[in-house]
C-alpha atoms as a PDB file:
ATOM      1  CA  MET A   1      41.163  21.722   7.313  1.00  0.00           C
ATOM      2  CA  GLU A   2      38.758  19.903   5.019  1.00  0.00           C
ATOM      3  CA  PRO A   3      38.120  16.247   5.946  1.00  0.00           C
ATOM      4  CA  GLY A   4      38.909  13.635   3.327  1.00  0.00           C
ATOM      5  CA  THR A   5      36.640  10.902   2.027  1.00  0.00           C
ATOM      6  CA  PRO A   6      36.866   7.613   3.945  1.00  0.00           C
ATOM      7  CA  THR A   7      36.577   4.341   2.093  1.00  0.00           C
ATOM      8  CA  LEU A   8      33.849   1.791   2.687  1.00  0.00           C
ATOM      9  CA  ASP A   9      36.495  -0.629   3.903  1.00  0.00           C
ATOM     10  CA  GLN A  10      37.685   1.829   6.545  1.00  0.00           C
ATOM     11  CA  LEU A  11      34.133   2.303   7.785  1.00  0.00           C
ATOM     12  CA  ARG A  12      33.620  -1.453   7.851  1.00  0.00           C
ATOM     13  CA  ILE A  13      36.767  -1.897   9.988  1.00  0.00           C
ATOM     14  CA  PHE A  14      35.602   0.882  12.322  1.00  0.00           C
ATOM     15  CA  GLU A  15      32.176  -0.726  12.817  1.00  0.00           C
ATOM     16  CA  CYS A  16      33.702  -4.161  13.324  1.00  0.00           C
ATOM     17  CA  ILE A  17      36.026  -2.924  16.101  1.00  0.00           C
ATOM     18  CA  VAL A  18      33.042  -1.383  17.915  1.00  0.00           C
ATOM     19  CA  GLU A  19      30.952  -4.533  17.518  1.00  0.00           C
ATOM     20  CA  GLU A  20      33.739  -6.960  18.513  1.00  0.00           C
ATOM     21  CA  GLY A  21      35.205  -4.832  21.297  1.00  0.00           C
ATOM     22  CA  SER A  22      38.853  -4.942  20.264  1.00  0.00           C
ATOM     23  CA  PHE A  23      41.238  -4.608  17.347  1.00  0.00           C
ATOM     24  CA  ALA A  24      42.277  -8.254  17.700  1.00  0.00           C
ATOM     25  CA  ALA A  25      38.693  -9.544  17.651  1.00  0.00           C
ATOM     26  CA  ALA A  26      37.926  -7.384  14.596  1.00  0.00           C
ATOM     27  CA  ALA A  27      41.016  -8.795  12.878  1.00  0.00           C
ATOM     28  CA  ARG A  28      39.830 -12.365  13.528  1.00  0.00           C
ATOM     29  CA  ARG A  29      36.338 -11.636  12.223  1.00  0.00           C
ATOM     30  CA  LEU A  30      37.632  -9.954   9.071  1.00  0.00           C
ATOM     31  CA  ASN A  31      40.426 -12.518   8.663  1.00  0.00           C
ATOM     32  CA  ARG A  32      43.122  -9.851   8.613  1.00  0.00           C
ATOM     33  CA  ALA A  33      46.249  -9.053  10.600  1.00  0.00           C
ATOM     34  CA  VAL A  34      45.891  -6.764  13.624  1.00  0.00           C
ATOM     35  CA  SER A  35      48.375  -4.406  11.998  1.00  0.00           C
ATOM     36  CA  VAL A  36      46.058  -4.055   8.977  1.00  0.00           C
ATOM     37  CA  ILE A  37      43.158  -3.175  11.275  1.00  0.00           C
ATOM     38  CA  SER A  38      45.245  -0.605  13.148  1.00  0.00           C
ATOM     39  CA  TYR A  39      46.462   0.868   9.868  1.00  0.00           C
ATOM     40  CA  GLY A  40      42.894   1.151   8.549  1.00  0.00           C
ATOM     41  CA  ILE A  41      41.706   3.029  11.642  1.00  0.00           C
ATOM     42  CA  ALA A  42      44.766   5.302  11.599  1.00  0.00           C
ATOM     43  CA  ASN A  43      44.011   6.199   7.981  1.00  0.00           C
ATOM     44  CA  LEU A  44      40.310   6.784   8.777  1.00  0.00           C
ATOM     45  CA  GLU A  45      41.203   9.125  11.653  1.00  0.00           C
ATOM     46  CA  ALA A  46      43.685  10.926   9.423  1.00  0.00           C
ATOM     47  CA  GLN A  47      41.086  11.296   6.651  1.00  0.00           C
ATOM     48  CA  LEU A  48      38.500  12.758   9.036  1.00  0.00           C
ATOM     49  CA  GLY A  49      40.931  14.686  11.231  1.00  0.00           C
ATOM     50  CA  LEU A  50      39.296  13.142  14.297  1.00  0.00           C
ATOM     51  CA  THR A  51      40.269  10.762  17.073  1.00  0.00           C
ATOM     52  CA  LEU A  52      37.694   7.972  17.092  1.00  0.00           C
ATOM     53  CA  PHE A  53      39.033   5.784  19.914  1.00  0.00           C
ATOM     54  CA  ASP A  54      40.493   6.715  23.292  1.00  0.00           C
ATOM     55  CA  ARG A  55      43.449   4.315  23.630  1.00  0.00           C
ATOM     56  CA  GLU A  56      44.873   5.820  26.825  1.00  0.00           C
ATOM     57  CA  GLY A  57      44.979   3.639  29.951  1.00  0.00           C
ATOM     58  CA  THR A  58      42.792   0.806  28.697  1.00  0.00           C
ATOM     59  CA  LYS A  59      43.267  -2.398  26.752  1.00  0.00           C
ATOM     60  CA  LYS A  60      39.831  -2.050  25.201  1.00  0.00           C
ATOM     61  CA  PRO A  61      39.333   0.747  22.653  1.00  0.00           C
ATOM     62  CA  VAL A  62      36.742   3.235  23.897  1.00  0.00           C
ATOM     63  CA  LEU A  63      34.826   5.473  21.519  1.00  0.00           C
ATOM     64  CA  THR A  64      35.418   9.180  21.895  1.00  0.00           C
ATOM     65  CA  GLU A  65      32.547  11.635  21.585  1.00  0.00           C
ATOM     66  CA  ALA A  66      33.526  12.155  17.949  1.00  0.00           C
ATOM     67  CA  GLY A  67      33.677   8.371  17.518  1.00  0.00           C
ATOM     68  CA  HIS A  68      30.092   7.982  18.714  1.00  0.00           C
ATOM     69  CA  ALA A  69      28.937  10.615  16.200  1.00  0.00           C
ATOM     70  CA  VAL A  70      30.866   9.028  13.328  1.00  0.00           C
ATOM     71  CA  LEU A  71      29.601   5.546  14.249  1.00  0.00           C
ATOM     72  CA  ALA A  72      25.989   6.580  13.607  1.00  0.00           C
ATOM     73  CA  ASP A  73      26.939   7.915  10.161  1.00  0.00           C
ATOM     74  CA  ALA A  74      29.054   4.855   9.378  1.00  0.00           C
ATOM     75  CA  ARG A  75      26.147   2.559  10.168  1.00  0.00           C
ATOM     76  CA  ALA A  76      23.829   4.660   8.014  1.00  0.00           C
ATOM     77  CA  VAL A  77      26.275   4.400   5.090  1.00  0.00           C
ATOM     78  CA  SER A  78      26.616   0.638   5.607  1.00  0.00           C
ATOM     79  CA  GLY A  79      22.838   0.292   5.642  1.00  0.00           C
ATOM     80  CA  LYS A  80      22.534   2.211   2.366  1.00  0.00           C
ATOM     81  CA  VAL A  81      25.231   0.059   0.771  1.00  0.00           C
ATOM     82  CA  ALA A  82      23.434  -3.096   1.941  1.00  0.00           C
ATOM     83  CA  ASP A  83      20.195  -1.754   0.435  1.00  0.00           C
ATOM     84  CA  LEU A  84      22.005  -1.015  -2.829  1.00  0.00           C
ATOM     85  CA  ARG A  85      23.470  -4.518  -2.975  1.00  0.00           C
ATOM     86  CA  ALA A  86      20.078  -6.094  -2.217  1.00  0.00           C
ATOM     87  CA  ARG A  87      18.384  -3.988  -4.907  1.00  0.00           C
ATOM     88  CA  ALA A  88      21.083  -4.859  -7.440  1.00  0.00           C
ATOM     89  CA  LYS A  89      20.728  -8.565  -6.652  1.00  0.00           C
ATOM     90  CA  GLY A  90      16.979  -8.295  -7.041  1.00  0.00           C
ATOM     91  CA  LEU A  91      17.371  -6.624 -10.439  1.00  0.00           C
ATOM     92  CA  LEU A  92      19.862  -9.292 -11.529  1.00  0.00           C
ATOM     93  CA  ASP A  93      17.330 -11.935 -10.455  1.00  0.00           C
ATOM     94  CA  GLY A  94      14.584 -10.205 -12.468  1.00  0.00           C
ATOM     95  CA  LEU A  95      12.887  -8.498  -9.494  1.00  0.00           C
ATOM     96  CA  GLU A  96      11.192  -5.207 -10.297  1.00  0.00           C
ATOM     97  CA  ALA A  97      12.611  -1.978  -8.889  1.00  0.00           C
ATOM     98  CA  GLU A  98       9.069  -0.584  -8.600  1.00  0.00           C
ATOM     99  CA  VAL A  99       5.506  -1.884  -8.771  1.00  0.00           C
ATOM    100  CA  GLY A 100       2.550   0.335  -9.602  1.00  0.00           C
ATOM    101  CA  LEU A 101      -0.715  -0.903  -8.061  1.00  0.00           C
ATOM    102  CA  ALA A 102      -4.123   0.661  -8.709  1.00  0.00           C
ATOM    103  CA  VAL A 103      -6.893  -0.457  -6.344  1.00  0.00           C
ATOM    104  CA  ASP A 104     -10.642   0.045  -6.538  1.00  0.00           C
ATOM    105  CA  VAL A 105     -11.817   2.218  -3.658  1.00  0.00           C
ATOM    106  CA  MET A 106     -14.433  -0.410  -2.776  1.00  0.00           C
ATOM    107  CA  PHE A 107     -11.748  -3.020  -1.969  1.00  0.00           C
ATOM    108  CA  PRO A 108     -11.641  -3.547   1.816  1.00  0.00           C
ATOM    109  CA  ALA A 109      -8.874  -1.346   3.230  1.00  0.00           C
ATOM    110  CA  ASP A 110      -7.975  -3.705   6.078  1.00  0.00           C
ATOM    111  CA  ARG A 111      -7.542  -6.591   3.617  1.00  0.00           C
ATOM    112  CA  LEU A 112      -5.292  -4.491   1.395  1.00  0.00           C
ATOM    113  CA  ALA A 113      -3.233  -3.307   4.375  1.00  0.00           C
ATOM    114  CA  ARG A 114      -2.580  -6.885   5.537  1.00  0.00           C
ATOM    115  CA  ILE A 115      -1.392  -7.907   2.077  1.00  0.00           C
ATOM    116  CA  LEU A 116       0.864  -4.864   1.706  1.00  0.00           C
ATOM    117  CA  ARG A 117       2.413  -5.375   5.134  1.00  0.00           C
ATOM    118  CA  VAL A 118       3.592  -8.853   4.125  1.00  0.00           C
ATOM    119  CA  PHE A 119       4.631  -7.500   0.706  1.00  0.00           C
ATOM    120  CA  ALA A 120       6.866  -4.904   2.389  1.00  0.00           C
ATOM    121  CA  GLU A 121       8.495  -7.639   4.478  1.00  0.00           C
ATOM    122  CA  SER A 122       8.912  -9.985   1.513  1.00  0.00           C
ATOM    123  CA  PHE A 123      10.190  -7.409  -1.004  1.00  0.00           C
ATOM    124  CA  PRO A 124      12.031  -4.714   0.982  1.00  0.00           C
ATOM    125  CA  THR A 125      13.891  -3.401  -2.095  1.00  0.00           C
ATOM    126  CA  VAL A 126      10.787  -2.927  -4.247  1.00  0.00           C
ATOM    127  CA  THR A 127       9.172   0.511  -4.266  1.00  0.00           C
ATOM    128  CA  LEU A 128       5.368   0.457  -4.310  1.00  0.00           C
ATOM    129  CA  ARG A 129       3.246   3.150  -5.975  1.00  0.00           C
ATOM    130  CA  LEU A 130      -0.326   2.762  -4.737  1.00  0.00           C
ATOM    131  CA  GLN A 131      -3.251   4.508  -6.423  1.00  0.00           C
ATOM    132  CA  VAL A 132      -6.803   4.222  -5.074  1.00  0.00           C
ATOM    133  CA  GLU A 133      -9.376   4.866  -7.786  1.00  0.00           C
ATOM    134  CA  ALA A 134     -13.061   4.398  -8.544  1.00  0.00           C
ATOM    135  CA  LEU A 135     -14.974   2.505 -11.203  1.00  0.00           C
ATOM    136  CA  GLY A 136     -13.194   2.450 -14.585  1.00  0.00           C
ATOM    137  CA  ALA A 137     -10.149   4.459 -13.483  1.00  0.00           C
ATOM    138  CA  VAL A 138      -8.346   1.331 -12.242  1.00  0.00           C
ATOM    139  CA  THR A 139      -8.567  -0.304 -15.662  1.00  0.00           C
ATOM    140  CA  ALA A 140      -7.583   2.968 -17.338  1.00  0.00           C
ATOM    141  CA  ASN A 141      -4.430   3.179 -15.205  1.00  0.00           C
ATOM    142  CA  VAL A 142      -3.434  -0.376 -16.089  1.00  0.00           C
ATOM    143  CA  LEU A 143      -4.067   0.252 -19.781  1.00  0.00           C
ATOM    144  CA  ASP A 144      -1.991   3.439 -19.886  1.00  0.00           C
ATOM    145  CA  GLY A 145       0.856   1.821 -17.943  1.00  0.00           C
ATOM    146  CA  SER A 146       0.721   4.033 -14.858  1.00  0.00           C
ATOM    147  CA  ALA A 147      -0.032   0.825 -12.905  1.00  0.00           C
ATOM    148  CA  ILE A 148       1.356  -2.589 -13.799  1.00  0.00           C
ATOM    149  CA  ILE A 149      -1.464  -4.383 -11.947  1.00  0.00           C
ATOM    150  CA  GLY A 150      -4.848  -3.390 -10.578  1.00  0.00           C
ATOM    151  CA  VAL A 151      -7.661  -4.540  -8.335  1.00  0.00           C
ATOM    152  CA  SER A 152     -10.676  -3.538 -10.354  1.00  0.00           C
ATOM    153  CA  GLY A 153     -14.409  -3.746  -9.944  1.00  0.00           C
ATOM    154  CA  PRO A 154     -16.621  -5.400 -12.556  1.00  0.00           C
ATOM    155  CA  LEU A 155     -15.979  -2.729 -15.213  1.00  0.00           C
ATOM    156  CA  SER A 156     -12.703  -4.375 -16.264  1.00  0.00           C
ATOM    157  CA  ALA A 157     -14.532  -7.469 -17.529  1.00  0.00           C
ATOM    158  CA  GLY A 158     -14.373  -7.753 -21.287  1.00  0.00           C
ATOM    159  CA  VAL A 159     -11.972  -4.822 -21.779  1.00  0.00           C
ATOM    160  CA  GLU A 160      -9.700  -5.578 -24.734  1.00  0.00           C
ATOM    161  CA  GLY A 161      -6.073  -6.102 -23.763  1.00  0.00           C
ATOM    162  CA  ILE A 162      -6.821  -6.798 -20.084  1.00  0.00           C
ATOM    163  CA  ASP A 163      -6.252 -10.182 -18.426  1.00  0.00           C
ATOM    164  CA  GLY A 164      -7.392 -10.953 -14.909  1.00  0.00           C
ATOM    165  CA  LEU A 165      -8.494 -13.312 -12.180  1.00  0.00           C
ATOM    166  CA  PRO A 166     -11.418 -13.172  -9.718  1.00  0.00           C
ATOM    167  CA  ALA A 167     -10.361 -11.503  -6.465  1.00  0.00           C
ATOM    168  CA  GLY A 168     -13.347 -11.655  -4.125  1.00  0.00           C
ATOM    169  CA  LEU A 169     -16.314  -9.379  -3.601  1.00  0.00           C
ATOM    170  CA  VAL A 170     -18.103  -7.002  -1.260  1.00  0.00           C
ATOM    171  CA  THR A 171     -21.795  -6.496  -0.664  1.00  0.00           C
ATOM    172  CA  MET A 172     -23.126  -3.038  -1.515  1.00  0.00           C
ATOM    173  CA  ILE A 173     -26.074  -1.825   0.575  1.00  0.00           C
ATOM    174  CA  PRO A 174     -28.182   1.355   0.552  1.00  0.00           C
ATOM    175  CA  VAL A 175     -27.738   3.406   3.728  1.00  0.00           C
ATOM    176  CA  ALA A 176     -28.778   6.729   5.227  1.00  0.00           C
ATOM    177  CA  ALA A 177     -28.435   8.576   8.532  1.00  0.00           C
ATOM    178  CA  PRO A 178     -31.109   7.775  11.161  1.00  0.00           C
ATOM    179  CA  ASP A 179     -32.670  11.249  10.797  1.00  0.00           C
ATOM    180  CA  HIS A 180     -32.986  10.965   7.007  1.00  0.00           C
ATOM    181  CA  PRO A 181     -36.628  10.750   5.778  1.00  0.00           C
ATOM    182  CA  LEU A 182     -35.986   7.328   4.189  1.00  0.00           C
ATOM    183  CA  ALA A 183     -34.649   5.968   7.472  1.00  0.00           C
ATOM    184  CA  ARG A 184     -37.727   7.195   9.385  1.00  0.00           C
ATOM    185  CA  GLN A 185     -40.164   5.598   6.947  1.00  0.00           C
ATOM    186  CA  SER A 186     -41.019   1.935   7.453  1.00  0.00           C
ATOM    187  CA  PRO A 187     -41.832   0.008   5.449  1.00  0.00           C
ATOM    188  CA  LEU A 188     -40.375   1.759   2.402  1.00  0.00           C
ATOM    189  CA  PRO A 189     -42.675   1.597  -0.612  1.00  0.00           C
ATOM    190  CA  PRO A 190     -41.235   0.906  -4.072  1.00  0.00           C
ATOM    191  CA  GLY A 191     -39.922   4.088  -5.704  1.00  0.00           C
ATOM    192  CA  ALA A 192     -39.426   5.993  -2.431  1.00  0.00           C
ATOM    193  CA  ALA A 193     -35.703   6.513  -3.084  1.00  0.00           C
ATOM    194  CA  ARG A 194     -36.407   8.491  -6.252  1.00  0.00           C
ATOM    195  CA  ASP A 195     -37.778  11.387  -4.222  1.00  0.00           C
ATOM    196  CA  HIS A 196     -34.525  11.952  -2.320  1.00  0.00           C
ATOM    197  CA  THR A 197     -30.989  13.011  -3.195  1.00  0.00           C
ATOM    198  CA  GLN A 198     -28.716  10.069  -3.966  1.00  0.00           C
ATOM    199  CA  LEU A 199     -24.991  10.403  -3.318  1.00  0.00           C
ATOM    200  CA  VAL A 200     -23.190   8.822  -6.266  1.00  0.00           C
ATOM    201  CA  LEU A 201     -19.512   7.941  -6.630  1.00  0.00           C
ATOM    202  CA  THR A 202     -18.032   9.143  -9.924  1.00  0.00           C
ATOM    203  CA  ASP A 203     -15.025   8.124 -11.972  1.00  0.00           C
ATOM    204  CA  ARG A 204     -12.103  10.564 -11.973  1.00  0.00           C
ATOM    205  CA  SER A 205     -10.973   9.187 -15.326  1.00  0.00           C
ATOM    206  CA  ARG A 206     -12.963   9.448 -18.552  1.00  0.00           C
ATOM    207  CA  ALA A 207     -13.361   5.676 -18.740  1.00  0.00           C
ATOM    208  CA  THR A 208     -17.047   5.758 -17.725  1.00  0.00           C
ATOM    209  CA  GLU A 209     -17.952   9.251 -18.887  1.00  0.00           C
ATOM    210  CA  GLY A 210     -21.684   9.541 -19.480  1.00  0.00           C
ATOM    211  CA  ARG A 211     -22.500   6.224 -17.798  1.00  0.00           C
ATOM    212  CA  ASP A 212     -24.353   5.703 -14.507  1.00  0.00           C
ATOM    213  CA  PHE A 213     -24.191   2.679 -12.212  1.00  0.00           C
ATOM    214  CA  SER A 214     -26.893   1.846  -9.649  1.00  0.00           C
ATOM    215  CA  VAL A 215     -28.328   5.366  -9.916  1.00  0.00           C
ATOM    216  CA  VAL A 216     -32.002   5.366  -8.939  1.00  0.00           C
ATOM    217  CA  SER A 217     -32.873   8.962  -8.153  1.00  0.00           C
ATOM    218  CA  PRO A 218     -32.967  11.816 -10.679  1.00  0.00           C
ATOM    219  CA  ARG A 219     -31.639  14.006  -7.864  1.00  0.00           C
ATOM    220  CA  THR A 220     -27.943  13.283  -7.333  1.00  0.00           C
ATOM    221  CA  TRP A 221     -24.778  14.664  -5.820  1.00  0.00           C
ATOM    222  CA  ARG A 222     -21.690  13.402  -7.670  1.00  0.00           C
ATOM    223  CA  LEU A 223     -18.612  12.720  -5.537  1.00  0.00           C
ATOM    224  CA  GLY A 224     -15.129  11.612  -6.546  1.00  0.00           C
ATOM    225  CA  ASP A 225     -14.138  10.346  -3.090  1.00  0.00           C
ATOM    226  CA  LEU A 226     -15.718   7.462  -1.172  1.00  0.00           C
ATOM    227  CA  GLY A 227     -14.585   8.907   2.170  1.00  0.00           C
ATOM    228  CA  ALA A 228     -16.398  12.161   1.425  1.00  0.00           C
ATOM    229  CA  LYS A 229     -19.508  10.210   0.437  1.00  0.00           C
ATOM    230  CA  HIS A 230     -19.345   8.328   3.735  1.00  0.00           C
ATOM    231  CA  ALA A 231     -19.094  11.579   5.700  1.00  0.00           C
ATOM    232  CA  LEU A 232     -22.017  13.182   3.857  1.00  0.00           C
ATOM    233  CA  LEU A 233     -24.179  10.112   4.385  1.00  0.00           C
ATOM    234  CA  ARG A 234     -23.542  10.305   8.129  1.00  0.00           C
ATOM    235  CA  GLU A 235     -24.599  13.965   8.060  1.00  0.00           C
ATOM    236  CA  GLY A 236     -27.964  12.971   6.563  1.00  0.00           C
ATOM    237  CA  ILE A 237     -27.411  14.915   3.332  1.00  0.00           C
ATOM    238  CA  GLY A 238     -28.589  12.047   1.133  1.00  0.00           C
ATOM    239  CA  TRP A 239     -28.753   8.299   0.774  1.00  0.00           C
ATOM    240  CA  GLY A 240     -26.415   6.037  -1.169  1.00  0.00           C
ATOM    241  CA  ASN A 241     -24.890   2.639  -1.722  1.00  0.00           C
ATOM    242  CA  MET A 242     -21.805   1.732   0.305  1.00  0.00           C
ATOM    243  CA  PRO A 243     -19.607  -1.362   0.656  1.00  0.00           C
ATOM    244  CA  ARG A 244     -20.840  -3.077   3.789  1.00  0.00           C
ATOM    245  CA  PRO A 245     -17.365  -3.530   5.392  1.00  0.00           C
ATOM    246  CA  MET A 246     -16.850   0.240   5.284  1.00  0.00           C
ATOM    247  CA  VAL A 247     -20.100   1.025   7.118  1.00  0.00           C
ATOM    248  CA  GLU A 248     -20.295  -2.004   9.432  1.00  0.00           C
ATOM    249  CA  ALA A 249     -19.232   0.040  12.465  1.00  0.00           C
ATOM    250  CA  ASP A 250     -21.850   2.692  11.609  1.00  0.00           C
ATOM    251  CA  LEU A 251     -24.582   0.062  11.393  1.00  0.00           C
ATOM    252  CA  VAL A 252     -23.611  -1.257  14.828  1.00  0.00           C
ATOM    253  CA  ALA A 253     -23.395   2.245  16.336  1.00  0.00           C
ATOM    254  CA  GLY A 254     -26.588   3.427  14.660  1.00  0.00           C
ATOM    255  CA  THR A 255     -24.926   6.359  12.868  1.00  0.00           C
ATOM    256  CA  LEU A 256     -26.116   4.835   9.578  1.00  0.00           C
ATOM    257  CA  LEU A 257     -29.088   2.565   8.892  1.00  0.00           C
ATOM    258  CA  HIS A 258     -29.448  -0.131   6.276  1.00  0.00           C
ATOM    259  CA  LEU A 259     -32.388   0.936   4.087  1.00  0.00           C
ATOM    260  CA  GLN A 260     -34.690  -1.971   3.311  1.00  0.00           C
ATOM    261  CA  MET A 261     -35.709  -0.932  -0.206  1.00  0.00           C
ATOM    262  CA  PRO A 262     -37.903  -3.510  -1.941  1.00  0.00           C
ATOM    263  CA  ASP A 263     -36.871  -2.318  -5.401  1.00  0.00           C
ATOM    264  CA  HIS A 264     -33.243  -1.496  -4.638  1.00  0.00           C
ATOM    265  CA  PRO A 265     -31.745  -3.932  -2.100  1.00  0.00           C
ATOM    266  CA  GLY A 266     -28.112  -3.383  -3.111  1.00  0.00           C
ATOM    267  CA  GLY A 267     -25.900  -5.862  -4.894  1.00  0.00           C
ATOM    268  CA  THR A 268     -22.664  -7.824  -5.174  1.00  0.00           C
ATOM    269  CA  TYR A 269     -19.579  -5.895  -6.269  1.00  0.00           C
ATOM    270  CA  ARG A 270     -16.987  -8.314  -7.648  1.00  0.00           C
ATOM    271  CA  PHE A 271     -13.253  -7.635  -7.872  1.00  0.00           C
ATOM    272  CA  ARG A 272     -10.653  -8.796 -10.368  1.00  0.00           C
ATOM    273  CA  ALA A 273      -6.870  -8.662 -10.173  1.00  0.00           C
ATOM    274  CA  ILE A 274      -5.920  -7.325 -13.610  1.00  0.00           C
ATOM    275  CA  TRP A 275      -2.891  -6.625 -15.819  1.00  0.00           C
ATOM    276  CA  ARG A 276      -2.224  -5.890 -19.466  1.00  0.00           C
ATOM    277  CA  GLY A 277      -1.963  -9.010 -21.578  1.00  0.00           C
ATOM    278  CA  ASP A 278       1.191  -7.715 -23.261  1.00  0.00           C
ATOM    279  CA  ARG A 279       2.808  -6.727 -19.921  1.00  0.00           C
ATOM    280  CA  PRO A 280       2.597  -9.725 -17.573  1.00  0.00           C
ATOM    281  CA  PRO A 281       3.532  -8.966 -13.960  1.00  0.00           C
ATOM    282  CA  GLY A 282       7.060  -9.630 -12.725  1.00  0.00           C
ATOM    283  CA  PRO A 283       7.898 -11.600  -9.555  1.00  0.00           C
ATOM    284  CA  ALA A 284       6.852  -8.953  -6.990  1.00  0.00           C
ATOM    285  CA  ALA A 285       3.731  -7.918  -8.909  1.00  0.00           C
ATOM    286  CA  LYS A 286       2.768 -11.560  -9.424  1.00  0.00           C
ATOM    287  CA  TRP A 287       3.121 -12.123  -5.658  1.00  0.00           C
ATOM    288  CA  LEU A 288       0.628  -9.290  -5.147  1.00  0.00           C
ATOM    289  CA  VAL A 289      -1.767 -10.750  -7.708  1.00  0.00           C
ATOM    290  CA  ASP A 290      -1.588 -14.213  -6.123  1.00  0.00           C
ATOM    291  CA  ASN A 291      -2.182 -12.904  -2.601  1.00  0.00           C
ATOM    292  CA  ILE A 292      -4.976 -10.533  -3.619  1.00  0.00           C
ATOM    293  CA  VAL A 293      -6.720 -13.402  -5.426  1.00  0.00           C
ATOM    294  CA  ALA A 294      -6.210 -15.744  -2.455  1.00  0.00           C
ATOM    295  CA  SER A 295      -7.604 -13.148  -0.025  1.00  0.00           C
ATOM    296  CA  GLY A 296     -10.984 -13.289  -1.743  1.00  0.00           C
ATOM    297  CA  GLU A 297     -11.303 -17.034  -2.251  1.00  0.00           C
ATOM    298  CA  HIS A 298     -13.820 -17.463   0.564  1.00  0.00           C
ATOM    299  CA  ASP A 299     -15.948 -14.392  -0.150  1.00  0.00           C
ATOM    300  CA  ALA A 300     -19.595 -15.259  -0.736  1.00  0.00           C
ATOM    301  CA  PRO A 301     -22.482 -13.062  -1.892  1.00  0.00           C
ATOM    302  CA  ALA A 302     -25.122 -12.122   0.658  1.00  0.00           C
ATOM    303  CA  GLY A 303     -28.336 -13.951  -0.105  1.00  0.00           C
ATOM    304  CA  ALA A 304     -29.572 -13.746  -3.656  1.00  0.00           C
ATOM    305  CA  MET A 305     -28.234 -10.285  -4.438  1.00  0.00           C
ATOM    306  CA  ALA A 306     -27.534  -9.602  -8.101  1.00  0.00           C
ATOM    307  CA  ASP A 307     -24.202  -8.310  -9.341  1.00  0.00           C
ATOM    308  CA  VAL A 308     -23.836  -4.554  -9.705  1.00  0.00           C
END
């Protein structure tokens, strides 16, 4: 025997009986006659070919083993229907079904995580596509439409077709492992960094092809991942610039040292929340923009460091 297909109304009646504890209480909650409730359950059991309630010797309906199994599935179906209704309402209200967000790898991860946690709670029906990129790749993703909004570094400034707002900053500092020659030399004379391999973050897009940023040494290793650069720095393979929040724990633990270079002290890396001028963000994306901008309102540059 092949089971039939129950209706959503039958499943709703079934769940209501379980939640209320009786057919009569379910009838009151659903504003229906008890006979209608009994008829709905009888039809559901007939459709499935299963007995869902043990009605023998008790005034209160008791779930059978099959009833317990079906209840879990019924609740899953009800949850999916509720999600569908919420998504449809959001679309009718102009809420996006999906938001693409590209974020500069230098943006503090803990700050981003806090914002996205609240975003998930505030917009449970909106799917988020998060891309973490370096340098000009964030702007490139916004321009080509793969991301509706971005959190870019300074390279987005002045790009035609891009609108944006300031979104805070991080301080970039030169660091190396404690056993690196630059870390063992104090004080560091001007030009010392040029004699050692510099680990340099590169752009995975072609947006900055042929351009270098804060590159001092003619000897470089080019890396497309900031996490890999961090790991290599800790191994003493080279020296390089890192966002201070990412290496703060290393500086405290002594696994990395802040290099006091007189001619290369680091700099201020400024962020912008960006979008295409001809594709303004919708409600969910605008919420992200507003909260990303607000998260950086109290950021201040360290000392008199120049912008990178």
